[in-house]
Each structure stands twice: as structure tokens, then as C-alpha cells.
Amino acid sequence: MERVLDPIATSADRPKARAEVVAFVVMVAALIVAPFFLYPLFLMQALCFALFACAFNLLIGYVGLLSFGHALYFGWASYLAAHAAKIWGLPPELAILTGAATAAVLGVMAGSLAIRRQGIYFAMITLALAQMMYFVALQVPFTGGEDGIQAVPRGFMFGFLDLSNQMTMYAVVLVIFLAGFLFIHRIINSPFGEVLKAIRENETRAVSLGYKTDRYKLAAFVLSATLAGVAGGTKAIVFQLASLTDVHWAMSGEVVLMTLVGGLGTVFGPVVGAFVIIAMQNYLSAFDQWVFVIQGVIFVVCVLLFRRGIVGEFAHLLRIKL
């Protein structure tokens, strides 16, 4: 269907486009200088989870599908990337692609079942599938059970980038994150993305307009799972470890928390939310188990006072949409 350009709508979109460009430039500049002031390993962890949260936000924020099982794709991509790098001897770029391909296949299988239902039924199906694969990960030999896959070699990216160097590793992770972020931004601002938003707002009307909504939802589900797999595979290379934590249901809960705290349905919200949650986990670790209580309190405060999330409230105050 050919889109008709509305001059009023086009002019209204200009402030939004300018705001997004400014926000993106600020984000990139901050991430470039950040390793000179903050611990690079913390930043790499935050970037991996930021990409994971952005992938999750693509599904819930722009299609309206709440998945309680996204750790399935993140965790199994981590396992396969670690296995490919350590046992098969693949270079890191191919190991990450192996993880992404694994997540894509799992996304097709899980998505084909889950999209047949809506609402809480969809969420419960995703959770059930994720828990089933968690127990598979606990039993199959190659995952290492409770020990996980350890001592994963970082190797050389493209044969010449030595990832044992922290700054080189950070640069690679930053490029992967920015590529994923821009890819997601392109998706949500494309005609395909407009159909996804239409499905979120009123699926019945989208069907009446002739769109095969199940195909669009499945495509979005697989894209979200694949990008979550890229994040999981990258994390396995960064930390040289793949463990049961990555496939546990709590990981699915964390990505939901990151997205809601940052701003559901906003482009930059999941990034901010991921940095906030990871910073809390790292810098409040002295409180031990009380970290989860503090996270819960912050979550309740955000729900009560920042209904749109951090970025959502900030954009609302400035009357722009990010």
C-alpha cells in the first residue's frame, strides 16, 4: 500500500526527528568517552543488556506482545556462542552469529505457537517454553549443567582485532550495540513498523484492512528473538562464560524491568533502563540480597510516579517523542 504524505504530519514529525538525532549523538558521544571514566567491563555488560532490552521492547512496545520468556533466546544464544568459540574453535564473529542463528530458530518455533494466543495466554506460553528449555539446559551435557561453559576464548575478531584487550573488546561491543540499535530504529520507522503499531493499537482493524497480522507478529517475534540472541552471544564472549543464569526466568523478569523503568515503547528507554538496573546491581552489590528489594522499591516508584518510564516522562515534559 502506497503511503500518502501529509504535509501537516510531516512537519509535526520534524521536531521528533531532530530530537532523536540529538539524543543519538549525545548517547554515542557519552558511550565513546565512558570507558575513560568507568570500568569497561561494566559498560560492556550494560551495552549487552541494553541491546537485549531494545530487542524485547520491539515486541512489547511496538506490537503489544508481552513475552515472559525472552531469556530463552538470550541464554541459548549465549550457550551456543560459547560452545562454538570454545569447542568448535570458531572466531568470535562466527560464534556470535551462531548464537543469533540459534535464537532465530528458537524464535520461529516458539513464536509459531505463541502468536496463536493473545494477552496473558501469550505471556504464559512464552514462559512455559522458556522454563522447558531451562530444564533442557540443566540436563544436556554440552551446557555444563550448573557449572556452565567457562573459559570461553575471546580470540581475534576478523583475524586481527585482539579481543583480550579490554578497550578493543569494548569498541566491538559498542559497534554491535549501535548496529542493533539503528536496525531496530529502522524497523519501527519503516512501513513494516507502522503495521506493527497498527496491530498494537487495533488488530481487528488491521485485519479488516487486509493485513495478515499473524505473519507480521511472527516476523516481529523472530526479529526480537534474533537480536536478543546477538546480545546473548556477545555477552558470552565478553564474560567468557555461559551459565544457567542466562536462561533462568529471572533474566526474563530483568529485561521487563529494564524496559518499564526506561520507558516502554520509546527508542532510548530500554537503553537507559538497562544502564540503571545494571548500575544498581554492580554498585549496590554490598547490600547483597537487599539489592532486589531496592530494585523492587524503585520499580514501584517508577510505576507510581513515572508511568511512562524515565525517558517517557522526560520526553513528555519536553513535548517530544523519543
Protein backbone atom coordinates (compact mmCIF):
# COMPACT_ATOMS: atom_id res chain seq x y z
CA MET A 1 0.00 0.00 0.00
CA GLU A 2 1.43 3.37 -1.04
CA ARG A 3 1.71 5.87 1.76
CA VAL A 4 0.23 9.34 1.21
CA LEU A 5 2.38 12.12 2.61
CA ASP A 6 0.55 14.54 4.85
CA PRO A 7 2.33 17.95 4.98
CA ILE A 8 0.97 18.63 8.49
CA ALA A 9 2.05 15.22 9.78
CA THR A 10 5.43 15.57 8.07
CA SER A 11 6.07 18.95 9.68
CA ALA A 12 4.96 17.56 13.04
CA ASP A 13 7.48 14.74 12.73
CA ARG A 14 10.41 17.13 12.23
CA PRO A 15 10.87 18.03 15.93
CA LYS A 16 10.75 14.33 16.77
CA ALA A 17 13.39 13.53 14.13
CA ARG A 18 15.64 16.35 15.33
CA ALA A 19 15.23 15.24 18.96
CA GLU A 20 16.13 11.65 18.04
CA VAL A 21 19.24 12.78 16.15
CA VAL A 22 20.38 14.95 19.05
CA ALA A 23 19.69 12.16 21.57
CA PHE A 24 21.56 9.64 19.42
CA VAL A 25 24.61 11.90 19.04
CA VAL A 26 24.66 12.54 22.79
CA MET A 27 24.36 8.80 23.50
CA VAL A 28 27.19 7.89 21.12
CA ALA A 29 29.45 10.64 22.46
CA ALA A 30 28.78 9.54 26.04
CA LEU A 31 29.49 5.89 25.22
CA ILE A 32 32.75 6.77 23.44
CA VAL A 33 34.18 8.69 26.40
CA ALA A 34 32.62 6.46 29.10
CA PRO A 35 35.43 3.82 29.28
CA PHE A 36 37.89 6.55 30.28
CA PHE A 37 35.82 7.21 33.41
CA LEU A 38 34.01 3.94 34.15
CA TYR A 39 35.01 0.29 34.32
CA PRO A 40 34.88 -1.07 30.72
CA LEU A 41 33.54 -4.47 31.81
CA PHE A 42 30.56 -2.79 33.49
CA LEU A 43 29.89 -0.77 30.34
CA MET A 44 30.07 -3.86 28.13
CA GLN A 45 27.63 -5.68 30.39
CA ALA A 46 25.26 -2.70 30.26
CA LEU A 47 25.51 -2.49 26.46
CA CYS A 48 24.72 -6.20 26.05
CA PHE A 49 21.65 -5.85 28.24
CA ALA A 50 20.69 -2.59 26.54
CA LEU A 51 20.55 -4.43 23.20
CA PHE A 52 18.60 -7.23 24.88
CA ALA A 53 16.11 -4.71 26.29
CA CYS A 54 15.78 -2.94 22.92
CA ALA A 55 15.01 -6.29 21.28
CA PHE A 56 12.38 -7.02 23.93
CA ASN A 57 10.92 -3.52 23.53
CA LEU A 58 10.48 -4.12 19.80
CA LEU A 59 8.00 -6.86 20.68
CA ILE A 60 6.13 -5.39 23.64
CA GLY A 61 6.44 -1.68 22.87
CA TYR A 62 5.57 -1.75 19.18
CA VAL A 63 3.49 -4.92 18.75
CA GLY A 64 1.95 -5.12 22.21
CA LEU A 65 3.08 -8.70 22.86
CA LEU A 66 4.37 -9.35 26.38
CA SER A 67 6.88 -12.20 26.46
CA PHE A 68 7.82 -13.67 29.84
CA GLY A 69 10.34 -16.00 28.22
CA HIS A 70 12.88 -13.87 26.38
CA ALA A 71 15.69 -15.40 28.44
CA LEU A 72 15.19 -18.46 26.22
CA TYR A 73 16.76 -16.70 23.21
CA PHE A 74 19.32 -14.70 25.19
CA GLY A 75 20.50 -17.72 27.18
CA TRP A 76 20.60 -20.34 24.45
CA ALA A 77 22.41 -17.93 22.13
CA SER A 78 24.93 -17.48 24.93
CA TYR A 79 25.38 -21.26 25.23
CA LEU A 80 25.80 -21.86 21.51
CA ALA A 81 28.15 -18.89 21.04
CA ALA A 82 30.30 -20.09 23.94
CA HIS A 83 30.28 -23.68 22.65
CA ALA A 84 31.12 -22.56 19.12
CA ALA A 85 34.05 -20.45 20.32
CA LYS A 86 35.47 -22.97 22.83
CA ILE A 87 34.74 -26.40 21.33
CA TRP A 88 34.37 -25.72 17.61
CA GLY A 89 37.11 -23.10 17.58
CA LEU A 90 35.11 -20.53 15.61
CA PRO A 91 36.24 -16.89 15.62
CA PRO A 92 34.15 -14.56 17.80
CA GLU A 93 32.16 -13.04 14.93
CA LEU A 94 31.03 -16.50 13.76
CA ALA A 95 30.38 -17.60 17.34
CA ILE A 96 28.06 -14.62 17.87
CA LEU A 97 26.33 -15.33 14.55
CA THR A 98 25.88 -18.95 15.66
CA GLY A 99 24.16 -17.71 18.80
CA ALA A 100 21.97 -15.34 16.78
CA ALA A 101 21.00 -18.13 14.36
CA THR A 102 20.11 -20.37 17.31
CA ALA A 103 17.90 -17.66 18.76
CA ALA A 104 16.24 -17.13 15.36
CA VAL A 105 15.39 -20.83 15.03
CA LEU A 106 14.03 -20.95 18.57
CA GLY A 107 12.10 -17.74 17.83
CA VAL A 108 10.42 -19.32 14.81
CA MET A 109 9.47 -22.42 16.80
CA ALA A 110 8.25 -20.60 19.92
CA GLY A 111 6.65 -17.74 18.01
CA SER A 112 4.66 -20.06 15.76
CA LEU A 113 3.00 -21.47 18.87
CA ALA A 114 2.72 -18.34 21.00
CA ILE A 115 1.14 -15.96 18.46
CA ARG A 116 -1.91 -18.24 18.26
CA ARG A 117 -2.97 -16.72 21.58
CA GLN A 118 -3.18 -13.18 22.93
CA GLY A 119 -2.76 -11.37 26.22
CA ILE A 120 -1.92 -13.37 29.31
CA TYR A 121 -2.17 -16.64 27.37
CA PHE A 122 0.59 -15.48 25.02
CA ALA A 123 2.74 -14.49 28.01
CA MET A 124 2.19 -17.82 29.76
CA ILE A 125 3.07 -19.82 26.64
CA THR A 126 6.37 -17.95 26.27
CA LEU A 127 7.13 -18.52 29.97
CA ALA A 128 6.30 -22.23 29.73
CA LEU A 129 8.54 -22.72 26.69
CA ALA A 130 11.38 -20.83 28.36
CA GLN A 131 11.12 -22.94 31.52
CA MET A 132 11.06 -26.13 29.46
CA MET A 133 14.29 -25.12 27.71
CA TYR A 134 15.79 -24.11 31.06
CA PHE A 135 15.46 -27.70 32.27
CA VAL A 136 16.88 -28.92 28.95
CA ALA A 137 19.91 -26.67 29.54
CA LEU A 138 20.24 -28.14 33.01
CA GLN A 139 20.36 -31.72 31.69
CA VAL A 140 22.17 -31.76 28.34
CA PRO A 141 25.93 -32.40 28.65
CA PHE A 142 27.35 -29.63 26.45
CA THR A 143 25.97 -26.80 28.61
CA GLY A 144 27.97 -27.91 31.64
CA GLY A 145 24.89 -28.02 33.88
CA GLU A 146 25.22 -25.79 36.93
CA ASP A 147 28.86 -25.03 36.07
CA GLY A 148 28.04 -23.63 32.65
CA ILE A 149 30.58 -23.19 29.86
CA GLN A 150 33.64 -21.48 31.31
CA ALA A 151 36.93 -20.12 29.97
CA VAL A 152 35.45 -19.20 26.61
CA PRO A 153 38.24 -17.73 24.45
CA ARG A 154 37.67 -14.24 23.12
CA GLY A 155 40.00 -14.79 20.18
CA PHE A 156 40.57 -12.37 17.31
CA MET A 157 37.68 -10.60 15.62
CA PHE A 158 38.08 -10.81 11.82
CA GLY A 159 41.53 -12.29 12.42
CA PHE A 160 43.26 -9.11 13.59
CA LEU A 161 41.28 -7.46 16.43
CA ASP A 162 42.64 -8.88 19.68
CA LEU A 163 39.62 -9.08 21.98
CA SER A 164 41.77 -9.88 25.02
CA ASN A 165 42.40 -6.13 25.09
CA GLN A 166 39.58 -4.54 27.10
CA MET A 167 39.35 -1.38 25.02
CA THR A 168 39.26 -3.33 21.77
CA MET A 169 36.56 -5.58 23.20
CA TYR A 170 34.60 -2.53 24.32
CA ALA A 171 34.84 -0.96 20.85
CA VAL A 172 33.49 -4.16 19.26
CA VAL A 173 30.62 -4.39 21.75
CA LEU A 174 29.79 -0.72 21.17
CA VAL A 175 29.67 -1.22 17.39
CA ILE A 176 27.43 -4.30 17.79
CA PHE A 177 25.09 -2.40 20.10
CA LEU A 178 24.87 0.65 17.82
CA ALA A 179 24.26 -1.56 14.77
CA GLY A 180 21.44 -3.36 16.58
CA PHE A 181 20.01 -0.11 17.90
CA LEU A 182 19.96 1.52 14.45
CA PHE A 183 18.47 -1.63 12.93
CA ILE A 184 15.62 -1.57 15.46
CA HIS A 185 15.12 2.15 14.87
CA ARG A 186 14.87 1.50 11.14
CA ILE A 187 12.33 -1.29 11.71
CA ILE A 188 9.97 0.81 13.82
CA ASN A 189 10.13 3.74 11.40
CA SER A 190 9.52 1.66 8.28
CA PRO A 191 6.17 0.71 6.67
CA PHE A 192 6.59 -2.67 8.35
CA GLY A 193 6.91 -0.89 11.70
CA GLU A 194 3.78 1.16 11.01
CA VAL A 195 1.82 -2.06 10.50
CA LEU A 196 3.19 -3.39 13.79
CA LYS A 197 1.96 -0.25 15.56
CA ALA A 198 -1.43 -0.64 13.88
CA ILE A 199 -1.64 -4.21 15.20
CA ARG A 200 -0.76 -2.96 18.67
CA GLU A 201 -3.47 -0.29 18.58
CA ASN A 202 -6.26 -2.31 16.97
CA GLU A 203 -5.53 -5.72 15.49
CA THR A 204 -9.10 -6.22 14.30
CA ARG A 205 -8.95 -3.05 12.22
CA ALA A 206 -5.56 -4.09 10.80
CA VAL A 207 -7.09 -7.41 9.72
CA SER A 208 -10.01 -5.56 8.12
CA LEU A 209 -7.52 -3.55 6.08
CA GLY A 210 -6.17 -6.77 4.59
CA TYR A 211 -3.00 -7.29 6.66
CA LYS A 212 -2.13 -10.86 7.65
CA THR A 213 -1.38 -9.91 11.23
CA ASP A 214 -0.10 -13.34 12.31
CA ARG A 215 2.70 -13.11 9.75
CA TYR A 216 3.67 -9.64 10.95
CA LYS A 217 3.61 -10.74 14.59
CA LEU A 218 5.72 -13.80 13.83
CA ALA A 219 8.23 -11.71 11.88
CA ALA A 220 8.50 -9.24 14.77
CA PHE A 221 8.84 -12.12 17.24
CA VAL A 222 11.68 -13.70 15.27
CA LEU A 223 13.47 -10.35 14.81
CA SER A 224 13.20 -9.69 18.54
CA ALA A 225 14.50 -13.17 19.40
CA THR A 226 17.39 -12.88 16.93
CA LEU A 227 18.53 -9.53 18.32
CA ALA A 228 18.24 -10.93 21.85
CA GLY A 229 20.46 -13.76 20.60
CA VAL A 230 23.05 -11.29 19.33
CA ALA A 231 23.08 -9.73 22.80
CA GLY A 232 23.41 -13.13 24.48
CA GLY A 233 26.19 -14.31 22.18
CA THR A 234 28.11 -11.07 22.67
CA LYS A 235 27.77 -11.37 26.45
CA ALA A 236 29.19 -14.91 26.35
CA ILE A 237 32.29 -13.67 24.53
CA VAL A 238 32.70 -10.62 26.79
CA PHE A 239 32.46 -12.54 30.07
CA GLN A 240 33.91 -15.77 28.64
CA LEU A 241 31.04 -17.61 30.30
CA ALA A 242 27.60 -19.02 29.57
CA SER A 243 25.58 -20.14 32.59
CA LEU A 244 22.12 -21.14 33.76
CA THR A 245 21.57 -17.56 34.94
CA ASP A 246 21.20 -16.53 31.30
CA VAL A 247 18.24 -18.88 30.71
CA HIS A 248 16.58 -18.53 34.11
CA TRP A 249 13.10 -16.97 34.36
CA ALA A 250 14.60 -14.16 36.48
CA MET A 251 16.51 -12.98 33.40
CA SER A 252 13.21 -12.57 31.55
CA GLY A 253 11.93 -10.55 34.51
CA GLU A 254 15.00 -8.32 34.47
CA VAL A 255 14.55 -7.34 30.85
CA VAL A 256 10.89 -6.49 31.54
CA LEU A 257 12.04 -4.31 34.44
CA MET A 258 14.67 -2.57 32.30
CA THR A 259 12.14 -1.75 29.61
CA LEU A 260 9.49 -0.44 32.01
CA VAL A 261 11.93 1.65 34.06
CA GLY A 262 13.46 3.22 30.95
CA GLY A 263 10.24 3.76 29.06
CA LEU A 264 8.03 1.25 27.28
CA GLY A 265 7.58 1.98 23.58
CA THR A 266 10.38 4.55 23.43
CA VAL A 267 13.52 4.11 21.36
CA PHE A 268 16.01 5.17 24.04
CA GLY A 269 14.07 3.98 27.09
CA PRO A 270 15.40 0.39 27.19
CA VAL A 271 18.98 1.69 26.95
CA VAL A 272 18.53 3.98 29.93
CA GLY A 273 16.66 1.29 31.86
CA ALA A 274 19.40 -1.27 31.22
CA PHE A 275 22.12 1.10 32.45
CA VAL A 276 20.09 1.95 35.57
CA ILE A 277 19.45 -1.69 36.52
CA ILE A 278 22.99 -2.89 35.76
CA ALA A 279 24.46 0.06 37.67
CA MET A 280 22.31 -0.88 40.67
CA GLN A 281 23.42 -4.49 40.52
CA ASN A 282 27.10 -3.52 40.32
CA TYR A 283 27.34 -0.55 42.64
CA LEU A 284 24.85 -1.77 45.25
CA SER A 285 26.31 -5.27 45.45
CA ALA A 286 27.48 -4.55 49.01
CA PHE A 287 23.83 -4.78 50.07
CA ASP A 288 23.79 -8.44 48.95
CA GLN A 289 20.18 -9.73 48.62
CA TRP A 290 18.81 -6.31 49.56
CA VAL A 291 19.63 -5.21 46.02
CA PHE A 292 16.45 -6.98 44.85
CA VAL A 293 14.42 -5.16 47.50
CA ILE A 294 15.87 -1.83 46.39
CA GLN A 295 15.10 -2.71 42.76
CA GLY A 296 11.54 -3.53 43.75
CA VAL A 297 11.12 -0.21 45.52
CA ILE A 298 12.49 1.70 42.52
CA PHE A 299 10.20 -0.26 40.23
CA VAL A 300 7.15 0.61 42.37
CA VAL A 301 8.19 4.28 42.44
CA CYS A 302 8.59 4.31 38.66
CA VAL A 303 5.19 2.70 38.18
CA LEU A 304 3.50 5.19 40.53
CA LEU A 305 5.35 8.40 39.64
CA PHE A 306 6.90 7.74 36.21
CA ARG A 307 4.16 5.90 34.38
CA ARG A 308 5.90 6.47 31.06
CA GLY A 309 9.33 5.47 32.37
CA ILE A 310 12.37 7.71 32.75
CA VAL A 311 12.75 8.59 29.07
CA GLY A 312 8.99 8.66 28.52
CA GLU A 313 8.44 11.22 31.31
CA PHE A 314 11.40 13.31 30.17
CA ALA A 315 10.13 13.36 26.59
CA HIS A 316 6.61 14.17 27.81
CA LEU A 317 7.90 17.19 29.73
CA LEU A 318 9.68 18.42 26.61
CA ARG A 319 6.65 17.52 24.48
CA ILE A 320 8.66 15.33 22.15
CA LYS A 321 8.53 11.64 21.38
CA LEU A 322 11.70 9.58 21.67
